Amino acid sequence: MKQRAYVLIEAKKGQADTVAAELSNKQGVLTADRVFGRHDVVAIIEANNLDGLVVIVRNNIAPAEHIVRTETLVVTSAPKARETS
């Protein structure tokens, strides 16, 4: 089973759209969406294991030119599907 995480990203002023667009093309990034709130972009990343998530953040996200700070939230369990009747 793949390991997934949410990466909360603070971009330099006026650069959130650029960051979201650039991250959308990076390996391991499923989505990168511009958001309003304390953070500017939320990315969903996925890898084969926890070490793979670290590599994605360290190599593909954190070094990006317009990123000030990141916070990674590792998914610990997936919710069970709701039964419908």
PDB file of N, CA and C in Angstrom:
ATOM      1  N   MET A   1       0.836  -1.182   0.000  1.00  0.00           N
ATOM      2  CA  MET A   1       0.000   0.000   0.000  1.00  0.00           C
ATOM      3  C   MET A   1       0.883   1.247   0.000  1.00  0.00           C
ATOM      4  N   LYS A   2       0.517   2.202  -0.795  1.00  0.00           N
ATOM      5  CA  LYS A   2       1.299   3.434  -0.901  1.00  0.00           C
ATOM      6  C   LYS A   2       1.116   4.304   0.340  1.00  0.00           C
ATOM      7  N   GLN A   3       2.115   5.122   0.608  1.00  0.00           N
ATOM      8  CA  GLN A   3       2.088   6.068   1.723  1.00  0.00           C
ATOM      9  C   GLN A   3       1.776   7.443   1.145  1.00  0.00           C
ATOM     10  N   ARG A   4       0.878   8.178   1.802  1.00  0.00           N
ATOM     11  CA  ARG A   4       0.447   9.486   1.313  1.00  0.00           C
ATOM     12  C   ARG A   4       0.665  10.545   2.383  1.00  0.00           C
ATOM     13  N   ALA A   5       0.864  11.790   1.939  1.00  0.00           N
ATOM     14  CA  ALA A   5       1.019  12.912   2.870  1.00  0.00           C
ATOM     15  C   ALA A   5       0.473  14.179   2.230  1.00  0.00           C
ATOM     16  N   TYR A   6       0.116  15.120   3.094  1.00  0.00           N
ATOM     17  CA  TYR A   6      -0.286  16.457   2.675  1.00  0.00           C
ATOM     18  C   TYR A   6       0.872  17.380   3.020  1.00  0.00           C
ATOM     19  N   VAL A   7       1.244  18.225   2.087  1.00  0.00           N
ATOM     20  CA  VAL A   7       2.318  19.182   2.336  1.00  0.00           C
ATOM     21  C   VAL A   7       1.703  20.576   2.293  1.00  0.00           C
ATOM     22  N   LEU A   8       1.758  21.267   3.441  1.00  0.00           N
ATOM     23  CA  LEU A   8       1.246  22.631   3.547  1.00  0.00           C
ATOM     24  C   LEU A   8       2.400  23.573   3.227  1.00  0.00           C
ATOM     25  N   ILE A   9       2.167  24.482   2.299  1.00  0.00           N
ATOM     26  CA  ILE A   9       3.262  25.280   1.760  1.00  0.00           C
ATOM     27  C   ILE A   9       2.979  26.768   1.894  1.00  0.00           C
ATOM     28  N   GLU A  10       3.977  27.490   2.390  1.00  0.00           N
ATOM     29  CA  GLU A  10       3.939  28.945   2.403  1.00  0.00           C
ATOM     30  C   GLU A  10       4.835  29.426   1.267  1.00  0.00           C
ATOM     31  N   ALA A  11       4.255  30.190   0.362  1.00  0.00           N
ATOM     32  CA  ALA A  11       4.998  30.701  -0.790  1.00  0.00           C
ATOM     33  C   ALA A  11       5.410  32.147  -0.547  1.00  0.00           C
ATOM     34  N   LYS A  12       6.408  32.594  -1.287  1.00  0.00           N
ATOM     35  CA  LYS A  12       6.771  34.010  -1.254  1.00  0.00           C
ATOM     36  C   LYS A  12       5.577  34.813  -1.764  1.00  0.00           C
ATOM     37  N   LYS A  13       5.468  36.032  -1.310  1.00  0.00           N
ATOM     38  CA  LYS A  13       4.336  36.897  -1.656  1.00  0.00           C
ATOM     39  C   LYS A  13       4.139  36.954  -3.178  1.00  0.00           C
ATOM     40  N   GLY A  14       2.907  36.670  -3.593  1.00  0.00           N
ATOM     41  CA  GLY A  14       2.554  36.740  -5.008  1.00  0.00           C
ATOM     42  C   GLY A  14       2.986  35.549  -5.840  1.00  0.00           C
ATOM     43  N   GLN A  15       3.540  34.509  -5.221  1.00  0.00           N
ATOM     44  CA  GLN A  15       4.088  33.384  -5.971  1.00  0.00           C
ATOM     45  C   GLN A  15       3.314  32.071  -5.807  1.00  0.00           C
ATOM     46  N   ALA A  16       2.176  32.106  -5.137  1.00  0.00           N
ATOM     47  CA  ALA A  16       1.449  30.866  -4.863  1.00  0.00           C
ATOM     48  C   ALA A  16       1.015  30.153  -6.142  1.00  0.00           C
ATOM     49  N   ASP A  17       0.513  30.874  -7.127  1.00  0.00           N
ATOM     50  CA  ASP A  17       0.094  30.239  -8.379  1.00  0.00           C
ATOM     51  C   ASP A  17       1.279  29.584  -9.083  1.00  0.00           C
ATOM     52  N   THR A  18       2.410  30.262  -9.064  1.00  0.00           N
ATOM     53  CA  THR A  18       3.625  29.716  -9.682  1.00  0.00           C
ATOM     54  C   THR A  18       4.062  28.438  -8.970  1.00  0.00           C
ATOM     55  N   VAL A  19       4.050  28.454  -7.648  1.00  0.00           N
ATOM     56  CA  VAL A  19       4.442  27.275  -6.868  1.00  0.00           C
ATOM     57  C   VAL A  19       3.506  26.107  -7.169  1.00  0.00           C
ATOM     58  N   ALA A  20       2.201  26.350  -7.151  1.00  0.00           N
ATOM     59  CA  ALA A  20       1.236  25.278  -7.421  1.00  0.00           C
ATOM     60  C   ALA A  20       1.451  24.697  -8.812  1.00  0.00           C
ATOM     61  N   ALA A  21       1.658  25.539  -9.793  1.00  0.00           N
ATOM     62  CA  ALA A  21       1.873  25.063 -11.163  1.00  0.00           C
ATOM     63  C   ALA A  21       3.155  24.249 -11.287  1.00  0.00           C
ATOM     64  N   GLU A  22       4.228  24.733 -10.679  1.00  0.00           N
ATOM     65  CA  GLU A  22       5.507  24.023 -10.759  1.00  0.00           C
ATOM     66  C   GLU A  22       5.447  22.676 -10.057  1.00  0.00           C
ATOM     67  N   LEU A  23       4.828  22.629  -8.883  1.00  0.00           N
ATOM     68  CA  LEU A  23       4.768  21.378  -8.134  1.00  0.00           C
ATOM     69  C   LEU A  23       3.895  20.346  -8.814  1.00  0.00           C
ATOM     70  N   SER A  24       2.885  20.789  -9.553  1.00  0.00           N
ATOM     71  CA  SER A  24       1.988  19.855 -10.240  1.00  0.00           C
ATOM     72  C   SER A  24       2.730  18.950 -11.218  1.00  0.00           C
ATOM     73  N   ASN A  25       3.888  19.398 -11.676  1.00  0.00           N
ATOM     74  CA  ASN A  25       4.672  18.626 -12.647  1.00  0.00           C
ATOM     75  C   ASN A  25       5.780  17.788 -12.008  1.00  0.00           C
ATOM     76  N   LYS A  26       5.895  17.826 -10.698  1.00  0.00           N
ATOM     77  CA  LYS A  26       6.980  17.105 -10.012  1.00  0.00           C
ATOM     78  C   LYS A  26       6.597  15.657  -9.746  1.00  0.00           C
ATOM     79  N   GLN A  27       7.587  14.786  -9.820  1.00  0.00           N
ATOM     80  CA  GLN A  27       7.375  13.364  -9.548  1.00  0.00           C
ATOM     81  C   GLN A  27       6.925  13.160  -8.106  1.00  0.00           C
ATOM     82  N   GLY A  28       5.894  12.357  -7.925  1.00  0.00           N
ATOM     83  CA  GLY A  28       5.386  12.041  -6.598  1.00  0.00           C
ATOM     84  C   GLY A  28       4.309  12.987  -6.102  1.00  0.00           C
ATOM     85  N   VAL A  29       4.097  14.098  -6.807  1.00  0.00           N
ATOM     86  CA  VAL A  29       3.068  15.060  -6.418  1.00  0.00           C
ATOM     87  C   VAL A  29       1.788  14.721  -7.177  1.00  0.00           C
ATOM     88  N   LEU A  30       0.744  14.328  -6.431  1.00  0.00           N
ATOM     89  CA  LEU A  30      -0.529  13.993  -7.060  1.00  0.00           C
ATOM     90  C   LEU A  30      -1.309  15.246  -7.431  1.00  0.00           C
ATOM     91  N   THR A  31      -1.369  16.196  -6.499  1.00  0.00           N
ATOM     92  CA  THR A  31      -2.036  17.474  -6.756  1.00  0.00           C
ATOM     93  C   THR A  31      -1.307  18.569  -5.995  1.00  0.00           C
ATOM     94  N   ALA A  32      -1.423  19.779  -6.489  1.00  0.00           N
ATOM     95  CA  ALA A  32      -0.897  20.960  -5.793  1.00  0.00           C
ATOM     96  C   ALA A  32      -1.911  22.067  -6.040  1.00  0.00           C
ATOM     97  N   ASP A  33      -2.638  22.429  -4.995  1.00  0.00           N
ATOM     98  CA  ASP A  33      -3.736  23.372  -5.138  1.00  0.00           C
ATOM     99  C   ASP A  33      -3.477  24.662  -4.381  1.00  0.00           C
ATOM    100  N   ARG A  34      -3.800  25.780  -5.004  1.00  0.00           N
ATOM    101  CA  ARG A  34      -3.741  27.099  -4.384  1.00  0.00           C
ATOM    102  C   ARG A  34      -4.898  27.174  -3.406  1.00  0.00           C
ATOM    103  N   VAL A  35      -4.639  27.614  -2.185  1.00  0.00           N
ATOM    104  CA  VAL A  35      -5.679  27.719  -1.165  1.00  0.00           C
ATOM    105  C   VAL A  35      -5.591  29.073  -0.478  1.00  0.00           C
ATOM    106  N   PHE A  36      -6.673  29.450   0.187  1.00  0.00           N
ATOM    107  CA  PHE A  36      -6.680  30.667   0.991  1.00  0.00           C
ATOM    108  C   PHE A  36      -6.635  30.253   2.448  1.00  0.00           C
ATOM    109  N   GLY A  37      -5.887  30.976   3.242  1.00  0.00           N
ATOM    110  CA  GLY A  37      -5.756  30.656   4.656  1.00  0.00           C
ATOM    111  C   GLY A  37      -4.323  30.873   5.087  1.00  0.00           C
ATOM    112  N   ARG A  38      -3.939  30.166   6.133  1.00  0.00           N
ATOM    113  CA  ARG A  38      -2.588  30.322   6.681  1.00  0.00           C
ATOM    114  C   ARG A  38      -1.522  29.850   5.703  1.00  0.00           C
ATOM    115  N   HIS A  39      -1.852  28.881   4.875  1.00  0.00           N
ATOM    116  CA  HIS A  39      -0.921  28.371   3.871  1.00  0.00           C
ATOM    117  C   HIS A  39      -1.394  28.818   2.495  1.00  0.00           C
ATOM    118  N   ASP A  40      -0.500  28.751   1.528  1.00  0.00           N
ATOM    119  CA  ASP A  40      -0.815  29.216   0.174  1.00  0.00           C
ATOM    120  C   ASP A  40      -1.104  28.083  -0.799  1.00  0.00           C
ATOM    121  N   VAL A  41      -0.460  26.949  -0.579  1.00  0.00           N
ATOM    122  CA  VAL A  41      -0.610  25.787  -1.464  1.00  0.00           C
ATOM    123  C   VAL A  41      -0.667  24.540  -0.597  1.00  0.00           C
ATOM    124  N   VAL A  42      -1.524  23.600  -0.998  1.00  0.00           N
ATOM    125  CA  VAL A  42      -1.551  22.283  -0.356  1.00  0.00           C
ATOM    126  C   VAL A  42      -1.273  21.260  -1.445  1.00  0.00           C
ATOM    127  N   ALA A  43      -0.245  20.454  -1.229  1.00  0.00           N
ATOM    128  CA  ALA A  43       0.101  19.397  -2.169  1.00  0.00           C
ATOM    129  C   ALA A  43      -0.196  18.040  -1.529  1.00  0.00           C
ATOM    130  N   ILE A  44      -0.665  17.125  -2.339  1.00  0.00           N
ATOM    131  CA  ILE A  44      -0.829  15.743  -1.903  1.00  0.00           C
ATOM    132  C   ILE A  44       0.260  14.949  -2.606  1.00  0.00           C
ATOM    133  N   ILE A  45       1.059  14.249  -1.803  1.00  0.00           N
ATOM    134  CA  ILE A  45       2.148  13.465  -2.379  1.00  0.00           C
ATOM    135  C   ILE A  45       1.965  11.994  -2.025  1.00  0.00           C
ATOM    136  N   GLU A  46       2.594  11.127  -2.819  1.00  0.00           N
ATOM    137  CA  GLU A  46       2.463   9.691  -2.584  1.00  0.00           C
ATOM    138  C   GLU A  46       3.753   8.989  -2.983  1.00  0.00           C
ATOM    139  N   ALA A  47       4.128   7.997  -2.168  1.00  0.00           N
ATOM    140  CA  ALA A  47       5.339   7.211  -2.424  1.00  0.00           C
ATOM    141  C   ALA A  47       5.107   5.790  -1.922  1.00  0.00           C
ATOM    142  N   ASN A  48       6.058   4.935  -2.167  1.00  0.00           N
ATOM    143  CA  ASN A  48       5.946   3.541  -1.737  1.00  0.00           C
ATOM    144  C   ASN A  48       6.082   3.380  -0.228  1.00  0.00           C
ATOM    145  N   ASN A  49       6.764   4.340   0.419  1.00  0.00           N
ATOM    146  CA  ASN A  49       6.972   4.234   1.865  1.00  0.00           C
ATOM    147  C   ASN A  49       7.319   5.617   2.428  1.00  0.00           C
ATOM    148  N   LEU A  50       7.509   5.669   3.731  1.00  0.00           N
ATOM    149  CA  LEU A  50       7.814   6.934   4.397  1.00  0.00           C
ATOM    150  C   LEU A  50       9.105   7.556   3.885  1.00  0.00           C
ATOM    151  N   ASP A  51      10.112   6.736   3.666  1.00  0.00           N
ATOM    152  CA  ASP A  51      11.376   7.261   3.136  1.00  0.00           C
ATOM    153  C   ASP A  51      11.170   7.926   1.780  1.00  0.00           C
ATOM    154  N   GLY A  52      10.294   7.351   0.976  1.00  0.00           N
ATOM    155  CA  GLY A  52       9.985   7.936  -0.327  1.00  0.00           C
ATOM    156  C   GLY A  52       9.328   9.299  -0.207  1.00  0.00           C
ATOM    157  N   LEU A  53       8.464   9.460   0.811  1.00  0.00           N
ATOM    158  CA  LEU A  53       7.847  10.769   1.040  1.00  0.00           C
ATOM    159  C   LEU A  53       8.913  11.800   1.395  1.00  0.00           C
ATOM    160  N   VAL A  54       9.854  11.401   2.227  1.00  0.00           N
ATOM    161  CA  VAL A  54      10.944  12.303   2.624  1.00  0.00           C
ATOM    162  C   VAL A  54      11.726  12.758   1.394  1.00  0.00           C
ATOM    163  N   VAL A  55      12.005  11.839   0.501  1.00  0.00           N
ATOM    164  CA  VAL A  55      12.751  12.177  -0.717  1.00  0.00           C
ATOM    165  C   VAL A  55      11.972  13.166  -1.572  1.00  0.00           C
ATOM    166  N   ILE A  56      10.661  12.956  -1.715  1.00  0.00           N
ATOM    167  CA  ILE A  56       9.842  13.874  -2.515  1.00  0.00           C
ATOM    168  C   ILE A  56       9.882  15.279  -1.924  1.00  0.00           C
ATOM    169  N   VAL A  57       9.688  15.381  -0.616  1.00  0.00           N
ATOM    170  CA  VAL A  57       9.696  16.706   0.017  1.00  0.00           C
ATOM    171  C   VAL A  57      11.078  17.329  -0.078  1.00  0.00           C
ATOM    172  N   ARG A  58      12.098  16.571   0.251  1.00  0.00           N
ATOM    173  CA  ARG A  58      13.460  17.105   0.281  1.00  0.00           C
ATOM    174  C   ARG A  58      13.973  17.486  -1.106  1.00  0.00           C
ATOM    175  N   ASN A  59      13.671  16.676  -2.112  1.00  0.00           N
ATOM    176  CA  ASN A  59      14.247  16.894  -3.441  1.00  0.00           C
ATOM    177  C   ASN A  59      13.339  17.634  -4.422  1.00  0.00           C
ATOM    178  N   ASN A  60      12.026  17.473  -4.278  1.00  0.00           N
ATOM    179  CA  ASN A  60      11.122  18.020  -5.289  1.00  0.00           C
ATOM    180  C   ASN A  60      10.292  19.209  -4.821  1.00  0.00           C
ATOM    181  N   ILE A  61      10.157  19.394  -3.507  1.00  0.00           N
ATOM    182  CA  ILE A  61       9.297  20.468  -3.024  1.00  0.00           C
ATOM    183  C   ILE A  61      10.086  21.546  -2.290  1.00  0.00           C
ATOM    184  N   ALA A  62      10.746  21.209  -1.211  1.00  0.00           N
ATOM    185  CA  ALA A  62      11.422  22.204  -0.366  1.00  0.00           C
ATOM    186  C   ALA A  62      12.418  23.097  -1.117  1.00  0.00           C
ATOM    187  N   PRO A  63      13.181  22.579  -2.083  1.00  0.00           N
ATOM    188  CA  PRO A  63      14.158  23.447  -2.753  1.00  0.00           C
ATOM    189  C   PRO A  63      13.554  24.411  -3.782  1.00  0.00           C
ATOM    190  N   ALA A  64      12.265  24.305  -4.055  1.00  0.00           N
ATOM    191  CA  ALA A  64      11.657  25.177  -5.073  1.00  0.00           C
ATOM    192  C   ALA A  64      11.916  26.643  -4.745  1.00  0.00           C
ATOM    193  N   GLU A  65      12.159  27.407  -5.764  1.00  0.00           N
ATOM    194  CA  GLU A  65      12.621  28.796  -5.618  1.00  0.00           C
ATOM    195  C   GLU A  65      11.687  29.699  -4.814  1.00  0.00           C
ATOM    196  N   HIS A  66      10.386  29.539  -4.960  1.00  0.00           N
ATOM    197  CA  HIS A  66       9.447  30.488  -4.356  1.00  0.00           C
ATOM    198  C   HIS A  66       8.789  29.973  -3.079  1.00  0.00           C
ATOM    199  N   ILE A  67       9.347  28.924  -2.488  1.00  0.00           N
ATOM    200  CA  ILE A  67       8.774  28.365  -1.263  1.00  0.00           C
ATOM    201  C   ILE A  67       9.539  28.890  -0.052  1.00  0.00           C
ATOM    202  N   VAL A  68       8.789  29.372   0.932  1.00  0.00           N
ATOM    203  CA  VAL A  68       9.377  29.890   2.165  1.00  0.00           C
ATOM    204  C   VAL A  68       9.482  28.776   3.205  1.00  0.00           C
ATOM    205  N   ARG A  69       8.397  27.992   3.338  1.00  0.00           N
ATOM    206  CA  ARG A  69       8.360  26.970   4.399  1.00  0.00           C
ATOM    207  C   ARG A  69       7.355  25.893   4.023  1.00  0.00           C
ATOM    208  N   THR A  70       7.602  24.677   4.513  1.00  0.00           N
ATOM    209  CA  THR A  70       6.664  23.583   4.310  1.00  0.00           C
ATOM    210  C   THR A  70       6.386  22.880   5.630  1.00  0.00           C
ATOM    211  N   GLU A  71       5.234  22.263   5.699  1.00  0.00           N
ATOM    212  CA  GLU A  71       4.873  21.409   6.832  1.00  0.00           C
ATOM    213  C   GLU A  71       4.234  20.163   6.240  1.00  0.00           C
ATOM    214  N   THR A  72       4.734  19.000   6.618  1.00  0.00           N
ATOM    215  CA  THR A  72       4.245  17.750   6.043  1.00  0.00           C
ATOM    216  C   THR A  72       3.408  16.988   7.055  1.00  0.00           C
ATOM    217  N   LEU A  73       2.225  16.594   6.621  1.00  0.00           N
ATOM    218  CA  LEU A  73       1.305  15.817   7.448  1.00  0.00           C
ATOM    219  C   LEU A  73       1.174  14.432   6.817  1.00  0.00           C
ATOM    220  N   VAL A  74       1.733  13.430   7.458  1.00  0.00           N
ATOM    221  CA  VAL A  74       1.718  12.071   6.925  1.00  0.00           C
ATOM    222  C   VAL A  74       0.391  11.407   7.291  1.00  0.00           C
ATOM    223  N   VAL A  75      -0.253  10.817   6.299  1.00  0.00           N
ATOM    224  CA  VAL A  75      -1.514  10.113   6.529  1.00  0.00           C
ATOM    225  C   VAL A  75      -1.189   8.804   7.246  1.00  0.00           C
ATOM    226  N   THR A  76      -1.860   8.588   8.381  1.00  0.00           N
ATOM    227  CA  THR A  76      -1.591   7.374   9.157  1.00  0.00           C
ATOM    228  C   THR A  76      -2.588   6.267   8.878  1.00  0.00           C
ATOM    229  N   SER A  77      -3.775   6.618   8.435  1.00  0.00           N
ATOM    230  CA  SER A  77      -4.757   5.590   8.060  1.00  0.00           C
ATOM    231  C   SER A  77      -5.796   6.223   7.158  1.00  0.00           C
ATOM    232  N   ALA A  78      -6.314   5.420   6.281  1.00  0.00           N
ATOM    233  CA  ALA A  78      -7.357   5.892   5.368  1.00  0.00           C
ATOM    234  C   ALA A  78      -8.720   5.629   5.992  1.00  0.00           C
ATOM    235  N   PRO A  79      -9.662   6.543   5.800  1.00  0.00           N
ATOM    236  CA  PRO A  79     -10.989   6.309   6.346  1.00  0.00           C
ATOM    237  C   PRO A  79     -11.661   5.135   5.651  1.00  0.00           C
ATOM    238  N   LYS A  80     -12.507   4.446   6.382  1.00  0.00           N
ATOM    239  CA  LYS A  80     -13.251   3.336   5.796  1.00  0.00           C
ATOM    240  C   LYS A  80     -14.353   3.912   4.907  1.00  0.00           C
ATOM    241  N   ALA A  81     -14.613   3.219   3.828  1.00  0.00           N
ATOM    242  CA  ALA A  81     -15.664   3.654   2.907  1.00  0.00           C
ATOM    243  C   ALA A  81     -17.021   3.529   3.596  1.00  0.00           C
ATOM    244  N   ARG A  82     -17.876   4.513   3.351  1.00  0.00           N
ATOM    245  CA  ARG A  82     -19.221   4.473   3.888  1.00  0.00           C
ATOM    246  C   ARG A  82     -20.090   3.512   3.107  1.00  0.00           C
ATOM    247  N   GLU A  83     -20.890   2.785   3.815  1.00  0.00           N
ATOM    248  CA  GLU A  83     -21.825   1.913   3.121  1.00  0.00           C
ATOM    249  C   GLU A  83     -23.047   2.727   2.749  1.00  0.00           C
ATOM    250  N   THR A  84     -23.530   2.523   1.548  1.00  0.00           N
ATOM    251  CA  THR A  84     -24.731   3.210   1.126  1.00  0.00           C
ATOM    252  C   THR A  84     -25.851   2.208   0.958  1.00  0.00           C
ATOM    253  N   SER A  85     -27.053   2.641   1.228  1.00  0.00           N
ATOM    254  CA  SER A  85     -28.179   1.720   1.081  1.00  0.00           C
ATOM    255  C   SER A  85     -29.191   2.238   0.102  1.00  0.00           C
TER     256      SER A  85
END
